[in-house]
Amino acid sequence: MSHIVTVQDAVTAFADFMEPTDAELDAIDREMPVIRAEMELLDAQIVVIDRTPCELDARRIRRARRRVLAAHRDYVNGLAGQTGGAA
């Protein structure tokens, strides 16, 4: 008979090393406007998933798409400004 053992120790043994670094957290903070804009677009698309979009829905999706593009543009321009060149 073989015994079943937990892998809790093996999984949590490296938990301290698996935390994000300060640089990774800063990168997430810089990218947060892009993440929020993409979530807003996804929300607008989910609303019309099971029905025909009306004019108001179409406008909401268009605005959300523009916000995603603007957020991506600002993010990439910010990266270029940090590195001193084109990203």
PDB file of N, CA and C in Angstrom:
ATOM      1  N   MET A   1       0.839  -1.165   0.000  1.00  0.00           N
ATOM      2  CA  MET A   1       0.000   0.000   0.000  1.00  0.00           C
ATOM      3  C   MET A   1       0.894   1.241   0.000  1.00  0.00           C
ATOM      4  N   SER A   2       0.629   2.148  -0.909  1.00  0.00           N
ATOM      5  CA  SER A   2       1.420   3.374  -0.948  1.00  0.00           C
ATOM      6  C   SER A   2       0.669   4.477  -0.211  1.00  0.00           C
ATOM      7  N   HIS A   3       1.416   5.280   0.492  1.00  0.00           N
ATOM      8  CA  HIS A   3       0.819   6.349   1.286  1.00  0.00           C
ATOM      9  C   HIS A   3       0.706   7.616   0.448  1.00  0.00           C
ATOM     10  N   ILE A   4      -0.365   8.321   0.680  1.00  0.00           N
ATOM     11  CA  ILE A   4      -0.561   9.609   0.028  1.00  0.00           C
ATOM     12  C   ILE A   4      -0.070  10.682   0.992  1.00  0.00           C
ATOM     13  N   VAL A   5       0.859  11.470   0.539  1.00  0.00           N
ATOM     14  CA  VAL A   5       1.394  12.533   1.385  1.00  0.00           C
ATOM     15  C   VAL A   5       1.069  13.876   0.753  1.00  0.00           C
ATOM     16  N   THR A   6       1.022  14.866   1.561  1.00  0.00           N
ATOM     17  CA  THR A   6       0.743  16.201   1.036  1.00  0.00           C
ATOM     18  C   THR A   6       2.006  16.798   0.458  1.00  0.00           C
ATOM     19  N   VAL A   7       1.815  17.682  -0.472  1.00  0.00           N
ATOM     20  CA  VAL A   7       2.950  18.391  -1.062  1.00  0.00           C
ATOM     21  C   VAL A   7       2.992  19.818  -0.542  1.00  0.00           C
ATOM     22  N   GLN A   8       2.301  20.051   0.558  1.00  0.00           N
ATOM     23  CA  GLN A   8       2.236  21.391   1.138  1.00  0.00           C
ATOM     24  C   GLN A   8       3.628  21.955   1.394  1.00  0.00           C
ATOM     25  N   ASP A   9       4.493  21.159   2.007  1.00  0.00           N
ATOM     26  CA  ASP A   9       5.838  21.653   2.303  1.00  0.00           C
ATOM     27  C   ASP A   9       6.609  21.969   1.029  1.00  0.00           C
ATOM     28  N   ALA A  10       6.461  21.135   0.038  1.00  0.00           N
ATOM     29  CA  ALA A  10       7.175  21.369  -1.218  1.00  0.00           C
ATOM     30  C   ALA A  10       6.649  22.606  -1.924  1.00  0.00           C
ATOM     31  N   VAL A  11       5.358  22.839  -1.845  1.00  0.00           N
ATOM     32  CA  VAL A  11       4.762  23.990  -2.527  1.00  0.00           C
ATOM     33  C   VAL A  11       5.090  25.285  -1.792  1.00  0.00           C
ATOM     34  N   THR A  12       4.980  25.271  -0.473  1.00  0.00           N
ATOM     35  CA  THR A  12       5.182  26.507   0.278  1.00  0.00           C
ATOM     36  C   THR A  12       6.635  26.746   0.662  1.00  0.00           C
ATOM     37  N   ALA A  13       7.496  25.826   0.359  1.00  0.00           N
ATOM     38  CA  ALA A  13       8.900  25.998   0.730  1.00  0.00           C
ATOM     39  C   ALA A  13       9.521  27.203   0.025  1.00  0.00           C
ATOM     40  N   PHE A  14       9.062  27.513  -1.166  1.00  0.00           N
ATOM     41  CA  PHE A  14       9.629  28.614  -1.939  1.00  0.00           C
ATOM     42  C   PHE A  14       8.693  29.814  -1.996  1.00  0.00           C
ATOM     43  N   ALA A  15       7.719  29.877  -1.119  1.00  0.00           N
ATOM     44  CA  ALA A  15       6.737  30.955  -1.160  1.00  0.00           C
ATOM     45  C   ALA A  15       7.386  32.332  -1.005  1.00  0.00           C
ATOM     46  N   ASP A  16       8.398  32.446  -0.155  1.00  0.00           N
ATOM     47  CA  ASP A  16       9.053  33.744   0.025  1.00  0.00           C
ATOM     48  C   ASP A  16       9.740  34.212  -1.251  1.00  0.00           C
ATOM     49  N   PHE A  17      10.219  33.281  -2.044  1.00  0.00           N
ATOM     50  CA  PHE A  17      10.923  33.636  -3.267  1.00  0.00           C
ATOM     51  C   PHE A  17       9.966  33.899  -4.430  1.00  0.00           C
ATOM     52  N   MET A  18       8.707  33.562  -4.265  1.00  0.00           N
ATOM     53  CA  MET A  18       7.746  33.696  -5.347  1.00  0.00           C
ATOM     54  C   MET A  18       7.014  35.035  -5.314  1.00  0.00           C
ATOM     55  N   GLU A  19       7.290  35.855  -4.318  1.00  0.00           N
ATOM     56  CA  GLU A  19       6.662  37.171  -4.229  1.00  0.00           C
ATOM     57  C   GLU A  19       7.219  38.075  -5.327  1.00  0.00           C
ATOM     58  N   PRO A  20       6.384  38.970  -5.860  1.00  0.00           N
ATOM     59  CA  PRO A  20       6.891  39.891  -6.885  1.00  0.00           C
ATOM     60  C   PRO A  20       7.885  40.873  -6.291  1.00  0.00           C
ATOM     61  N   THR A  21       8.850  41.224  -7.091  1.00  0.00           N
ATOM     62  CA  THR A  21       9.861  42.183  -6.651  1.00  0.00           C
ATOM     63  C   THR A  21       9.290  43.598  -6.736  1.00  0.00           C
ATOM     64  N   ASP A  22       9.995  44.552  -6.173  1.00  0.00           N
ATOM     65  CA  ASP A  22       9.561  45.945  -6.249  1.00  0.00           C
ATOM     66  C   ASP A  22       9.510  46.425  -7.695  1.00  0.00           C
ATOM     67  N   ALA A  23      10.456  45.982  -8.502  1.00  0.00           N
ATOM     68  CA  ALA A  23      10.472  46.376  -9.921  1.00  0.00           C
ATOM     69  C   ALA A  23       9.253  45.817 -10.650  1.00  0.00           C
ATOM     70  N   GLU A  24       8.889  44.583 -10.336  1.00  0.00           N
ATOM     71  CA  GLU A  24       7.707  43.988 -10.972  1.00  0.00           C
ATOM     72  C   GLU A  24       6.429  44.708 -10.541  1.00  0.00           C
ATOM     73  N   LEU A  25       6.335  45.065  -9.265  1.00  0.00           N
ATOM     74  CA  LEU A  25       5.165  45.814  -8.788  1.00  0.00           C
ATOM     75  C   LEU A  25       5.090  47.196  -9.429  1.00  0.00           C
ATOM     76  N   ASP A  26       6.238  47.840  -9.622  1.00  0.00           N
ATOM     77  CA  ASP A  26       6.257  49.133 -10.306  1.00  0.00           C
ATOM     78  C   ASP A  26       5.811  48.998 -11.752  1.00  0.00           C
ATOM     79  N   ALA A  27       6.225  47.924 -12.411  1.00  0.00           N
ATOM     80  CA  ALA A  27       5.816  47.688 -13.797  1.00  0.00           C
ATOM     81  C   ALA A  27       4.309  47.470 -13.884  1.00  0.00           C
ATOM     82  N   ILE A  28       3.752  46.767 -12.916  1.00  0.00           N
ATOM     83  CA  ILE A  28       2.304  46.554 -12.889  1.00  0.00           C
ATOM     84  C   ILE A  28       1.585  47.877 -12.673  1.00  0.00           C
ATOM     85  N   ASP A  29       2.102  48.712 -11.782  1.00  0.00           N
ATOM     86  CA  ASP A  29       1.499  50.026 -11.540  1.00  0.00           C
ATOM     87  C   ASP A  29       1.519  50.891 -12.796  1.00  0.00           C
ATOM     88  N   ARG A  30       2.622  50.838 -13.547  1.00  0.00           N
ATOM     89  CA  ARG A  30       2.706  51.623 -14.785  1.00  0.00           C
ATOM     90  C   ARG A  30       1.726  51.117 -15.833  1.00  0.00           C
ATOM     91  N   GLU A  31       1.465  49.822 -15.827  1.00  0.00           N
ATOM     92  CA  GLU A  31       0.581  49.228 -16.828  1.00  0.00           C
ATOM     93  C   GLU A  31      -0.885  49.224 -16.402  1.00  0.00           C
ATOM     94  N   MET A  32      -1.185  49.628 -15.174  1.00  0.00           N
ATOM     95  CA  MET A  32      -2.550  49.572 -14.654  1.00  0.00           C
ATOM     96  C   MET A  32      -3.565  50.352 -15.496  1.00  0.00           C
ATOM     97  N   PRO A  33      -3.260  51.549 -16.029  1.00  0.00           N
ATOM     98  CA  PRO A  33      -4.250  52.216 -16.893  1.00  0.00           C
ATOM     99  C   PRO A  33      -4.621  51.378 -18.120  1.00  0.00           C
ATOM    100  N   VAL A  34      -3.668  50.661 -18.667  1.00  0.00           N
ATOM    101  CA  VAL A  34      -3.952  49.788 -19.812  1.00  0.00           C
ATOM    102  C   VAL A  34      -4.857  48.648 -19.368  1.00  0.00           C
ATOM    103  N   ILE A  35      -4.575  48.072 -18.223  1.00  0.00           N
ATOM    104  CA  ILE A  35      -5.379  46.963 -17.715  1.00  0.00           C
ATOM    105  C   ILE A  35      -6.811  47.422 -17.463  1.00  0.00           C
ATOM    106  N   ARG A  36      -6.965  48.591 -16.850  1.00  0.00           N
ATOM    107  CA  ARG A  36      -8.316  49.106 -16.570  1.00  0.00           C
ATOM    108  C   ARG A  36      -9.077  49.384 -17.863  1.00  0.00           C
ATOM    109  N   ALA A  37      -8.401  49.967 -18.842  1.00  0.00           N
ATOM    110  CA  ALA A  37      -9.064  50.261 -20.117  1.00  0.00           C
ATOM    111  C   ALA A  37      -9.484  48.969 -20.815  1.00  0.00           C
ATOM    112  N   GLU A  38      -8.633  47.948 -20.774  1.00  0.00           N
ATOM    113  CA  GLU A  38      -8.989  46.679 -21.392  1.00  0.00           C
ATOM    114  C   GLU A  38     -10.146  46.004 -20.654  1.00  0.00           C
ATOM    115  N   MET A  39     -10.193  46.161 -19.332  1.00  0.00           N
ATOM    116  CA  MET A  39     -11.316  45.607 -18.566  1.00  0.00           C
ATOM    117  C   MET A  39     -12.619  46.318 -18.920  1.00  0.00           C
ATOM    118  N   GLU A  40     -12.548  47.626 -19.118  1.00  0.00           N
ATOM    119  CA  GLU A  40     -13.730  48.386 -19.503  1.00  0.00           C
ATOM    120  C   GLU A  40     -14.238  47.947 -20.877  1.00  0.00           C
ATOM    121  N   LEU A  41     -13.315  47.723 -21.804  1.00  0.00           N
ATOM    122  CA  LEU A  41     -13.696  47.236 -23.124  1.00  0.00           C
ATOM    123  C   LEU A  41     -14.329  45.851 -23.021  1.00  0.00           C
ATOM    124  N   LEU A  42     -13.740  44.997 -22.233  1.00  0.00           N
ATOM    125  CA  LEU A  42     -14.285  43.658 -22.049  1.00  0.00           C
ATOM    126  C   LEU A  42     -15.680  43.716 -21.441  1.00  0.00           C
ATOM    127  N   ASP A  43     -15.886  44.589 -20.467  1.00  0.00           N
ATOM    128  CA  ASP A  43     -17.221  44.750 -19.877  1.00  0.00           C
ATOM    129  C   ASP A  43     -18.234  45.190 -20.927  1.00  0.00           C
ATOM    130  N   ALA A  44     -17.840  46.140 -21.771  1.00  0.00           N
ATOM    131  CA  ALA A  44     -18.752  46.615 -22.817  1.00  0.00           C
ATOM    132  C   ALA A  44     -19.081  45.506 -23.807  1.00  0.00           C
ATOM    133  N   GLN A  45     -18.106  44.668 -24.114  1.00  0.00           N
ATOM    134  CA  GLN A  45     -18.348  43.567 -25.044  1.00  0.00           C
ATOM    135  C   GLN A  45     -19.209  42.475 -24.415  1.00  0.00           C
ATOM    136  N   ILE A  46     -19.025  42.234 -23.119  1.00  0.00           N
ATOM    137  CA  ILE A  46     -19.820  41.207 -22.442  1.00  0.00           C
ATOM    138  C   ILE A  46     -21.291  41.602 -22.399  1.00  0.00           C
ATOM    139  N   VAL A  47     -21.573  42.892 -22.251  1.00  0.00           N
ATOM    140  CA  VAL A  47     -22.959  43.358 -22.184  1.00  0.00           C
ATOM    141  C   VAL A  47     -23.729  42.974 -23.441  1.00  0.00           C
ATOM    142  N   VAL A  48     -23.079  43.013 -24.584  1.00  0.00           N
ATOM    143  CA  VAL A  48     -23.788  42.764 -25.847  1.00  0.00           C
ATOM    144  C   VAL A  48     -23.550  41.359 -26.392  1.00  0.00           C
ATOM    145  N   ILE A  49     -23.036  40.477 -25.558  1.00  0.00           N
ATOM    146  CA  ILE A  49     -22.686  39.144 -26.048  1.00  0.00           C
ATOM    147  C   ILE A  49     -23.916  38.344 -26.491  1.00  0.00           C
ATOM    148  N   ASP A  50     -25.049  38.562 -25.823  1.00  0.00           N
ATOM    149  CA  ASP A  50     -26.224  37.754 -26.126  1.00  0.00           C
ATOM    150  C   ASP A  50     -27.380  38.566 -26.705  1.00  0.00           C
ATOM    151  N   ARG A  51     -27.058  39.750 -27.191  1.00  0.00           N
ATOM    152  CA  ARG A  51     -28.099  40.567 -27.816  1.00  0.00           C
ATOM    153  C   ARG A  51     -27.482  41.452 -28.883  1.00  0.00           C
ATOM    154  N   THR A  52     -28.310  41.994 -29.702  1.00  0.00           N
ATOM    155  CA  THR A  52     -27.844  42.911 -30.736  1.00  0.00           C
ATOM    156  C   THR A  52     -27.543  44.255 -30.097  1.00  0.00           C
ATOM    157  N   PRO A  53     -26.341  44.785 -30.323  1.00  0.00           N
ATOM    158  CA  PRO A  53     -26.003  46.071 -29.692  1.00  0.00           C
ATOM    159  C   PRO A  53     -26.842  47.211 -30.262  1.00  0.00           C
ATOM    160  N   CYS A  54     -27.344  48.046 -29.371  1.00  0.00           N
ATOM    161  CA  CYS A  54     -28.043  49.249 -29.809  1.00  0.00           C
ATOM    162  C   CYS A  54     -26.997  50.344 -30.046  1.00  0.00           C
ATOM    163  N   GLU A  55     -27.446  51.509 -30.438  1.00  0.00           N
ATOM    164  CA  GLU A  55     -26.516  52.610 -30.729  1.00  0.00           C
ATOM    165  C   GLU A  55     -25.715  52.992 -29.482  1.00  0.00           C
ATOM    166  N   LEU A  56     -26.352  52.986 -28.340  1.00  0.00           N
ATOM    167  CA  LEU A  56     -25.652  53.325 -27.096  1.00  0.00           C
ATOM    168  C   LEU A  56     -24.559  52.301 -26.784  1.00  0.00           C
ATOM    169  N   ASP A  57     -24.852  51.024 -26.997  1.00  0.00           N
ATOM    170  CA  ASP A  57     -23.850  49.974 -26.792  1.00  0.00           C
ATOM    171  C   ASP A  57     -22.681  50.144 -27.753  1.00  0.00           C
ATOM    172  N   ALA A  58     -22.998  50.435 -29.009  1.00  0.00           N
ATOM    173  CA  ALA A  58     -21.946  50.612 -30.010  1.00  0.00           C
ATOM    174  C   ALA A  58     -21.047  51.788 -29.638  1.00  0.00           C
ATOM    175  N   ARG A  59     -21.654  52.871 -29.135  1.00  0.00           N
ATOM    176  CA  ARG A  59     -20.861  54.024 -28.706  1.00  0.00           C
ATOM    177  C   ARG A  59     -19.972  53.683 -27.519  1.00  0.00           C
ATOM    178  N   ARG A  60     -20.522  52.931 -26.590  1.00  0.00           N
ATOM    179  CA  ARG A  60     -19.746  52.540 -25.414  1.00  0.00           C
ATOM    180  C   ARG A  60     -18.534  51.700 -25.814  1.00  0.00           C
ATOM    181  N   ILE A  61     -18.735  50.779 -26.755  1.00  0.00           N
ATOM    182  CA  ILE A  61     -17.627  49.934 -27.223  1.00  0.00           C
ATOM    183  C   ILE A  61     -16.593  50.769 -27.958  1.00  0.00           C
ATOM    184  N   ARG A  62     -17.044  51.692 -28.811  1.00  0.00           N
ATOM    185  CA  ARG A  62     -16.100  52.554 -29.529  1.00  0.00           C
ATOM    186  C   ARG A  62     -15.271  53.395 -28.563  1.00  0.00           C
ATOM    187  N   ARG A  63     -15.935  53.977 -27.562  1.00  0.00           N
ATOM    188  CA  ARG A  63     -15.210  54.777 -26.562  1.00  0.00           C
ATOM    189  C   ARG A  63     -14.201  53.920 -25.807  1.00  0.00           C
ATOM    190  N   ALA A  64     -14.614  52.712 -25.447  1.00  0.00           N
ATOM    191  CA  ALA A  64     -13.711  51.814 -24.716  1.00  0.00           C
ATOM    192  C   ALA A  64     -12.512  51.443 -25.575  1.00  0.00           C
ATOM    193  N   ARG A  65     -12.734  51.199 -26.862  1.00  0.00           N
ATOM    194  CA  ARG A  65     -11.616  50.883 -27.764  1.00  0.00           C
ATOM    195  C   ARG A  65     -10.650  52.053 -27.870  1.00  0.00           C
ATOM    196  N   ARG A  66     -11.203  53.268 -27.956  1.00  0.00           N
ATOM    197  CA  ARG A  66     -10.336  54.451 -28.018  1.00  0.00           C
ATOM    198  C   ARG A  66      -9.531  54.615 -26.738  1.00  0.00           C
ATOM    199  N   ARG A  67     -10.149  54.315 -25.596  1.00  0.00           N
ATOM    200  CA  ARG A  67      -9.427  54.411 -24.324  1.00  0.00           C
ATOM    201  C   ARG A  67      -8.300  53.379 -24.254  1.00  0.00           C
ATOM    202  N   VAL A  68      -8.556  52.183 -24.781  1.00  0.00           N
ATOM    203  CA  VAL A  68      -7.509  51.153 -24.801  1.00  0.00           C
ATOM    204  C   VAL A  68      -6.342  51.620 -25.662  1.00  0.00           C
ATOM    205  N   LEU A  69      -6.646  52.146 -26.840  1.00  0.00           N
ATOM    206  CA  LEU A  69      -5.574  52.628 -27.724  1.00  0.00           C
ATOM    207  C   LEU A  69      -4.802  53.780 -27.072  1.00  0.00           C
ATOM    208  N   ALA A  70      -5.516  54.698 -26.438  1.00  0.00           N
ATOM    209  CA  ALA A  70      -4.850  55.828 -25.791  1.00  0.00           C
ATOM    210  C   ALA A  70      -3.996  55.348 -24.615  1.00  0.00           C
ATOM    211  N   ALA A  71      -4.500  54.398 -23.857  1.00  0.00           N
ATOM    212  CA  ALA A  71      -3.734  53.878 -22.726  1.00  0.00           C
ATOM    213  C   ALA A  71      -2.477  53.163 -23.204  1.00  0.00           C
ATOM    214  N   HIS A  72      -2.604  52.386 -24.284  1.00  0.00           N
ATOM    215  CA  HIS A  72      -1.424  51.715 -24.853  1.00  0.00           C
ATOM    216  C   HIS A  72      -0.414  52.745 -25.355  1.00  0.00           C
ATOM    217  N   ARG A  73      -0.910  53.775 -26.019  1.00  0.00           N
ATOM    218  CA  ARG A  73      -0.023  54.829 -26.524  1.00  0.00           C
ATOM    219  C   ARG A  73       0.723  55.511 -25.380  1.00  0.00           C
ATOM    220  N   ASP A  74      -0.008  55.876 -24.338  1.00  0.00           N
ATOM    221  CA  ASP A  74       0.622  56.540 -23.193  1.00  0.00           C
ATOM    222  C   ASP A  74       1.626  55.617 -22.509  1.00  0.00           C
ATOM    223  N   TYR A  75       1.286  54.346 -22.411  1.00  0.00           N
ATOM    224  CA  TYR A  75       2.188  53.385 -21.776  1.00  0.00           C
ATOM    225  C   TYR A  75       3.486  53.239 -22.571  1.00  0.00           C
ATOM    226  N   VAL A  76       3.360  53.083 -23.875  1.00  0.00           N
ATOM    227  CA  VAL A  76       4.548  52.919 -24.725  1.00  0.00           C
ATOM    228  C   VAL A  76       5.373  54.206 -24.743  1.00  0.00           C
ATOM    229  N   ASN A  77       4.711  55.346 -24.803  1.00  0.00           N
ATOM    230  CA  ASN A  77       5.443  56.613 -24.764  1.00  0.00           C
ATOM    231  C   ASN A  77       6.156  56.786 -23.428  1.00  0.00           C
ATOM    232  N   GLY A  78       5.549  56.332 -22.354  1.00  0.00           N
ATOM    233  CA  GLY A  78       6.199  56.391 -21.048  1.00  0.00           C
ATOM    234  C   GLY A  78       7.418  55.501 -20.988  1.00  0.00           C
ATOM    235  N   LEU A  79       7.332  54.328 -21.620  1.00  0.00           N
ATOM    236  CA  LEU A  79       8.486  53.437 -21.667  1.00  0.00           C
ATOM    237  C   LEU A  79       9.612  54.063 -22.480  1.00  0.00           C
ATOM    238  N   ALA A  80       9.245  54.707 -23.576  1.00  0.00           N
ATOM    239  CA  ALA A  80      10.260  55.337 -24.427  1.00  0.00           C
ATOM    240  C   ALA A  80      10.925  56.486 -23.683  1.00  0.00           C
ATOM    241  N   GLY A  81      10.146  57.210 -22.874  1.00  0.00           N
ATOM    242  CA  GLY A  81      10.716  58.309 -22.105  1.00  0.00           C
ATOM    243  C   GLY A  81      11.657  57.821 -21.018  1.00  0.00           C
ATOM    244  N   GLN A  82      11.363  56.647 -20.466  1.00  0.00           N
ATOM    245  CA  GLN A  82      12.216  56.107 -19.407  1.00  0.00           C
ATOM    246  C   GLN A  82      13.535  55.603 -19.942  1.00  0.00           C
ATOM    247  N   THR A  83      13.493  54.982 -21.113  1.00  0.00           N
ATOM    248  CA  THR A  83      14.716  54.399 -21.672  1.00  0.00           C
ATOM    249  C   THR A  83      15.497  55.416 -22.491  1.00  0.00           C
ATOM    250  N   GLY A  84      14.854  56.511 -22.822  1.00  0.00           N
ATOM    251  CA  GLY A  84      15.538  57.539 -23.575  1.00  0.00           C
ATOM    252  C   GLY A  84      15.511  57.306 -25.082  1.00  0.00           C
ATOM    253  N   GLY A  85      14.721  56.363 -25.524  1.00  0.00           N
ATOM    254  CA  GLY A  85      14.611  56.090 -26.953  1.00  0.00           C
ATOM    255  C   GLY A  85      13.278  55.464 -27.277  1.00  0.00           C
ATOM    256  N   ALA A  86      13.166  54.980 -28.483  1.00  0.00           N
ATOM    257  CA  ALA A  86      11.917  54.355 -28.910  1.00  0.00           C
ATOM    258  C   ALA A  86      11.801  52.977 -28.277  1.00  0.00           C
ATOM    259  N   ALA A  87      10.579  52.634 -27.913  1.00  0.00           N
ATOM    260  CA  ALA A  87      10.350  51.309 -27.310  1.00  0.00           C
ATOM    261  C   ALA A  87      10.083  50.282 -28.367  1.00  0.00           C
TER     262      ALA A  87
END
